[in-house]
Amino acid sequence: MGAKVTRIGIVAPGRVLDEGIADRVTAIAGDAVELFFHPQCFLHDGHFAGSDAARADAFAQFANDPSLDAIWFARGGYGACRLLDMAFERLGAAARRKTYMGYSDTGFLLARLARDGIGRVAHGPMPADILREGGEAAVRRAIGFLSGADGEAGVEPGTLAPGKYAAYNISVLASLIGTVHAPDLSGATLLIEDVGEYHYRLDRLMFTLTSSETVRAAAGIRLGRCGPIPVNDVDFGQDEEEIARHWCARSGIAYLGRADIGHDVANKIVVFGARGVGA
């Protein structure tokens, strides 16, 4: 009997995926991994990879497929929040046995999965990262994690210690705050990152996060990368870390330093939930 082949289903909860990306990522996967790109990934409906119903159906179908070991979100780009009240009620036992991974806009789905205790949830690279310079490394890191071939080699080092962890794009988490879909961050080390926001916008977003009881319940915040940051016509006077330190201090949240996550090929993997607590 040969070695077990890991079967990974790929869906696009937001924007469409170029079919050329599927070919390139499949070529990297190797014989020990089978990738299944749902046809929905390549649909076009305005901004989105198919209608809300089509995207929700694809997610629920693959999540409930007992032959698949993991669900890998294809790419970011707005759209995942539109599925939060459409798919989750349909998820059954098979969905709870899977690993789910993505980042950026797919953080909306990661939040709901983690809150509902569905599967193993991870913030990490996606197939579309192949388009970045050096993106093959990010894709290999993701496949190595999802297949178990690389163990924890691709996991963000600071999250290997006992504790509870969660990771989000700053803008996505700020959009979740105050909604019925807000995550439970009680006692968690919260890793955050963003991309393409002016310093003043990051400042505004950090005000929102650190003013919320949701984030104030966390054990502390670690800041990932936020670049590239546009140049404003009036210099803000603080960089992203100074902004994070400022709002953490004002709100009484522990600032715990930098994190090795971000919208780039070096983006490491963060597994949500408790690790080694009480062991």
Protein backbone atom coordinates (compact mmCIF):
# COMPACT_ATOMS: atom_id res chain seq x y z
CA MET A 1 0.00 0.00 0.00
CA GLY A 2 1.41 3.40 -0.99
CA ALA A 3 1.76 6.47 1.18
CA LYS A 4 -1.42 8.41 1.89
CA VAL A 5 -2.12 11.20 -0.57
CA THR A 6 -3.43 14.43 0.95
CA ARG A 7 -6.46 15.74 -0.91
CA ILE A 8 -6.94 19.51 -0.76
CA GLY A 9 -10.04 21.30 -2.03
CA ILE A 10 -9.70 24.88 -3.23
CA VAL A 11 -12.55 27.41 -3.34
CA ALA A 12 -12.61 31.15 -4.03
CA PRO A 13 -14.88 32.99 -1.55
CA GLY A 14 -14.15 36.40 -3.07
CA ARG A 15 -12.57 37.22 -6.41
CA VAL A 16 -12.00 34.96 -9.39
CA LEU A 17 -8.84 32.87 -9.73
CA ASP A 18 -6.90 32.84 -12.98
CA GLU A 19 -6.72 29.32 -14.41
CA GLY A 20 -3.00 29.76 -15.00
CA ILE A 21 -2.52 29.99 -11.24
CA ALA A 22 -4.14 26.58 -10.82
CA ASP A 23 -1.72 25.03 -13.30
CA ARG A 24 1.33 26.55 -11.62
CA VAL A 25 0.30 25.58 -8.10
CA THR A 26 -0.62 22.05 -9.17
CA ALA A 27 2.83 21.65 -10.70
CA ILE A 28 4.38 22.45 -7.32
CA ALA A 29 2.18 20.08 -5.31
CA GLY A 30 3.97 16.84 -6.18
CA ASP A 31 2.76 13.25 -6.03
CA ALA A 32 1.86 13.21 -2.32
CA VAL A 33 -0.77 15.94 -2.69
CA GLU A 34 -3.83 16.19 -4.91
CA LEU A 35 -5.34 19.63 -5.46
CA PHE A 36 -8.97 20.00 -6.49
CA PHE A 37 -9.91 23.44 -7.76
CA HIS A 38 -13.66 23.82 -7.60
CA PRO A 39 -15.05 25.09 -10.95
CA GLN A 40 -16.52 28.00 -8.99
CA CYS A 41 -13.00 29.44 -8.66
CA PHE A 42 -13.13 30.44 -12.31
CA LEU A 43 -16.63 31.89 -12.50
CA HIS A 44 -17.16 35.60 -13.21
CA ASP A 45 -19.97 37.64 -11.67
CA GLY A 46 -18.89 41.27 -11.58
CA HIS A 47 -16.29 41.62 -8.84
CA PHE A 48 -16.83 38.07 -7.61
CA ALA A 49 -15.94 34.49 -8.51
CA GLY A 50 -19.57 33.63 -9.11
CA SER A 51 -22.69 34.76 -7.29
CA ASP A 52 -22.90 34.70 -3.50
CA ALA A 53 -24.95 31.52 -3.78
CA ALA A 54 -22.40 29.86 -6.06
CA ARG A 55 -19.51 30.73 -3.75
CA ALA A 56 -21.41 29.59 -0.64
CA ASP A 57 -22.44 26.34 -2.36
CA ALA A 58 -18.87 25.58 -3.41
CA PHE A 59 -17.55 26.17 0.10
CA ALA A 60 -20.25 24.01 1.71
CA GLN A 61 -19.84 21.25 -0.88
CA PHE A 62 -16.09 20.92 -0.43
CA ALA A 63 -16.23 21.39 3.35
CA ASN A 64 -18.73 18.52 3.59
CA ASP A 65 -16.82 16.25 1.19
CA PRO A 66 -15.39 13.40 3.34
CA SER A 67 -12.76 12.61 0.70
CA LEU A 68 -11.03 15.97 1.19
CA ASP A 69 -8.55 16.55 4.01
CA ALA A 70 -8.33 20.34 3.83
CA ILE A 71 -9.92 23.44 2.37
CA TRP A 72 -7.49 26.00 0.97
CA PHE A 73 -8.92 29.40 0.13
CA ALA A 74 -7.72 30.44 -3.31
CA ARG A 75 -7.10 34.14 -2.83
CA GLY A 76 -8.14 37.29 -1.07
CA GLY A 77 -10.08 40.14 -2.58
CA TYR A 78 -13.38 41.27 -1.12
CA GLY A 79 -16.31 38.86 -0.86
CA ALA A 80 -15.94 36.36 1.99
CA CYS A 81 -18.12 38.31 4.43
CA ARG A 82 -21.09 37.86 2.10
CA LEU A 83 -21.03 34.11 2.79
CA LEU A 84 -21.14 34.20 6.58
CA ASP A 85 -24.91 33.79 6.82
CA MET A 86 -25.24 31.47 3.80
CA ALA A 87 -23.05 28.39 4.21
CA PHE A 88 -22.27 27.54 7.82
CA GLU A 89 -25.65 26.11 8.76
CA ARG A 90 -25.05 23.43 6.13
CA LEU A 91 -21.72 22.21 7.46
CA GLY A 92 -21.76 18.68 8.84
CA ALA A 93 -19.43 16.24 10.56
CA ALA A 94 -16.97 15.96 7.67
CA ALA A 95 -16.42 19.72 7.76
CA ARG A 96 -15.28 19.48 11.36
CA ARG A 97 -12.44 17.11 10.50
CA LYS A 98 -10.68 19.41 8.02
CA THR A 99 -7.96 22.02 8.09
CA TYR A 100 -8.87 25.44 6.63
CA MET A 101 -6.30 27.99 5.56
CA GLY A 102 -6.21 31.46 4.04
CA TYR A 103 -5.59 35.06 5.04
CA SER A 104 -6.55 38.60 4.06
CA ASP A 105 -10.28 38.82 3.18
CA THR A 106 -10.79 35.13 3.94
CA GLY A 107 -10.26 36.05 7.59
CA PHE A 108 -14.03 36.50 7.75
CA LEU A 109 -14.43 32.76 7.20
CA LEU A 110 -11.53 31.88 9.49
CA ALA A 111 -13.24 33.86 12.26
CA ARG A 112 -16.53 32.02 11.89
CA LEU A 113 -14.84 28.62 11.62
CA ALA A 114 -12.79 29.26 14.75
CA ARG A 115 -15.73 30.67 16.70
CA ASP A 116 -17.91 27.68 15.79
CA GLY A 117 -15.14 25.17 16.55
CA ILE A 118 -15.12 23.81 13.00
CA GLY A 119 -11.89 22.04 12.05
CA ARG A 120 -8.33 23.28 12.42
CA VAL A 121 -8.10 26.90 11.32
CA ALA A 122 -4.91 28.57 10.09
CA HIS A 123 -3.87 31.97 8.76
CA GLY A 124 -1.37 31.32 5.99
CA PRO A 125 -0.42 31.55 2.30
CA MET A 126 -2.89 30.94 -0.52
CA PRO A 127 -2.57 29.71 -4.13
CA ALA A 128 -2.69 33.26 -5.54
CA ASP A 129 0.58 34.02 -3.73
CA ILE A 130 2.27 32.25 -6.65
CA LEU A 131 1.90 35.57 -8.51
CA ARG A 132 4.25 37.34 -6.10
CA GLU A 133 7.98 37.40 -6.81
CA GLY A 134 9.33 34.36 -5.02
CA GLY A 135 5.79 33.15 -4.41
CA GLU A 136 6.72 29.51 -4.95
CA ALA A 137 8.17 29.49 -1.44
CA ALA A 138 4.88 30.64 0.08
CA VAL A 139 2.92 28.02 -1.86
CA ARG A 140 5.35 25.27 -0.85
CA ARG A 141 5.09 26.38 2.79
CA ALA A 142 1.30 26.15 2.63
CA ILE A 143 1.26 22.75 0.92
CA GLY A 144 3.86 21.41 3.33
CA PHE A 145 1.69 22.45 6.26
CA LEU A 146 -1.63 21.26 4.83
CA SER A 147 -0.19 17.88 3.88
CA GLY A 148 1.76 17.46 7.11
CA ALA A 149 4.93 16.81 5.11
CA ASP A 150 6.81 19.73 6.69
CA GLY A 151 5.44 19.39 10.19
CA GLU A 152 5.55 22.83 11.80
CA ALA A 153 8.45 24.21 9.78
CA GLY A 154 6.26 26.91 8.26
CA VAL A 155 4.53 27.97 11.48
CA GLU A 156 5.21 31.45 12.88
CA PRO A 157 7.92 30.79 15.50
CA GLY A 158 6.36 32.83 18.29
CA THR A 159 3.19 30.74 18.14
CA LEU A 160 5.00 27.47 18.84
CA ALA A 161 4.98 28.20 22.58
CA PRO A 162 2.03 27.11 24.74
CA GLY A 163 -0.80 29.59 24.50
CA LYS A 164 -3.85 30.59 22.50
CA TYR A 165 -3.48 32.30 19.13
CA ALA A 166 -5.41 34.05 16.38
CA ALA A 167 -4.31 36.08 13.36
CA TYR A 168 -6.18 38.57 11.19
CA ASN A 169 -5.82 41.30 8.65
CA ILE A 170 -6.37 44.54 10.59
CA SER A 171 -9.06 45.87 8.22
CA VAL A 172 -10.95 42.56 8.26
CA LEU A 173 -10.90 42.31 12.06
CA ALA A 174 -12.04 45.92 12.38
CA SER A 175 -14.99 45.07 10.10
CA LEU A 176 -15.91 42.12 12.33
CA ILE A 177 -15.84 44.11 15.56
CA GLY A 178 -19.33 44.83 16.85
CA THR A 179 -21.02 42.28 14.58
CA VAL A 180 -22.59 38.95 15.46
CA HIS A 181 -19.63 37.35 13.67
CA ALA A 182 -16.92 38.88 15.90
CA PRO A 183 -14.40 36.26 17.06
CA ASP A 184 -13.76 35.25 20.66
CA LEU A 185 -10.24 36.48 21.43
CA SER A 186 -10.35 35.90 25.19
CA GLY A 187 -6.86 35.10 26.44
CA ALA A 188 -5.43 34.85 22.92
CA THR A 189 -2.28 36.39 21.55
CA LEU A 190 -3.60 38.33 18.57
CA LEU A 191 -1.33 38.63 15.53
CA ILE A 192 -2.37 41.35 13.05
CA GLU A 193 -1.15 42.52 9.65
CA ASP A 194 -2.29 44.68 6.74
CA VAL A 195 -1.24 46.02 3.37
CA GLY A 196 -1.60 49.23 1.39
CA GLU A 197 -3.12 51.40 4.13
CA TYR A 198 -1.93 54.93 4.90
CA HIS A 199 -0.49 55.43 8.37
CA TYR A 200 -3.46 57.56 9.38
CA ARG A 201 -5.83 54.78 8.29
CA LEU A 202 -3.88 52.25 10.34
CA ASP A 203 -4.16 54.63 13.25
CA ARG A 204 -7.95 54.80 12.80
CA LEU A 205 -8.20 51.02 12.52
CA MET A 206 -6.12 50.52 15.66
CA PHE A 207 -8.43 52.93 17.47
CA THR A 208 -11.36 50.70 16.48
CA LEU A 209 -9.65 47.47 17.48
CA THR A 210 -8.28 48.63 20.81
CA SER A 211 -11.54 50.34 21.77
CA SER A 212 -13.46 47.06 21.50
CA GLU A 213 -14.11 44.66 24.34
CA THR A 214 -13.39 41.84 21.89
CA VAL A 215 -9.76 42.85 21.47
CA ARG A 216 -9.32 44.06 25.04
CA ALA A 217 -10.03 40.49 26.14
CA ALA A 218 -6.92 39.29 24.29
CA ALA A 219 -3.69 38.47 26.11
CA GLY A 220 -1.84 40.92 23.88
CA ILE A 221 -1.10 42.03 20.33
CA ARG A 222 1.79 41.22 18.03
CA LEU A 223 2.18 43.30 14.88
CA GLY A 224 3.01 41.73 11.54
CA ARG A 225 4.03 43.57 8.40
CA CYS A 226 1.84 46.34 6.99
CA GLY A 227 3.71 47.33 3.85
CA PRO A 228 3.81 48.67 1.32
CA ILE A 229 2.36 51.78 2.95
CA PRO A 230 1.40 54.66 0.62
CA VAL A 231 3.11 58.00 1.12
CA ASN A 232 0.73 60.65 2.43
CA ASP A 233 1.11 64.29 1.42
CA VAL A 234 1.47 65.15 5.12
CA ASP A 235 3.75 62.78 7.00
CA PHE A 236 1.85 61.12 9.84
CA GLY A 237 4.85 61.20 12.15
CA GLN A 238 4.56 57.64 13.43
CA ASP A 239 5.28 54.34 11.74
CA GLU A 240 3.03 51.29 12.07
CA GLU A 241 4.77 49.92 15.15
CA GLU A 242 4.62 53.28 16.93
CA ILE A 243 0.91 53.41 16.09
CA ALA A 244 0.32 49.93 17.50
CA ARG A 245 2.29 50.70 20.66
CA HIS A 246 0.39 53.97 21.12
CA TRP A 247 -3.08 52.41 20.99
CA CYS A 248 -2.11 49.37 23.04
CA ALA A 249 -0.76 51.64 25.77
CA ARG A 250 -3.88 53.82 25.75
CA SER A 251 -6.20 50.83 25.99
CA GLY A 252 -4.23 48.74 28.48
CA ILE A 253 -3.50 45.95 26.00
CA ALA A 254 -0.07 44.32 26.15
CA TYR A 255 2.05 45.01 23.08
CA LEU A 256 4.09 41.84 22.54
CA GLY A 257 6.36 42.83 19.64
CA ARG A 258 6.53 41.94 15.96
CA ALA A 259 5.16 38.89 14.14
CA ASP A 260 6.39 37.15 10.99
CA ILE A 261 3.14 37.45 9.02
CA GLY A 262 2.01 39.75 6.23
CA HIS A 263 0.85 40.09 2.63
CA ASP A 264 4.12 38.76 1.24
CA VAL A 265 5.98 35.57 0.40
CA ALA A 266 7.50 35.36 3.90
CA ASN A 267 4.03 35.07 5.47
CA LYS A 268 4.24 32.37 8.14
CA ILE A 269 1.38 30.18 9.34
CA VAL A 270 -0.62 30.83 12.51
CA VAL A 271 -2.83 28.03 13.85
CA PHE A 272 -5.86 29.35 15.71
CA GLY A 273 -6.79 28.21 19.20
CA ALA A 274 -4.98 26.74 22.19
CA ARG A 275 -1.60 25.08 21.96
CA GLY A 276 -0.05 23.05 24.78
CA VAL A 277 -2.15 24.83 27.40
CA GLY A 278 -2.30 22.82 30.60
CA ALA A 279 0.03 20.18 29.18
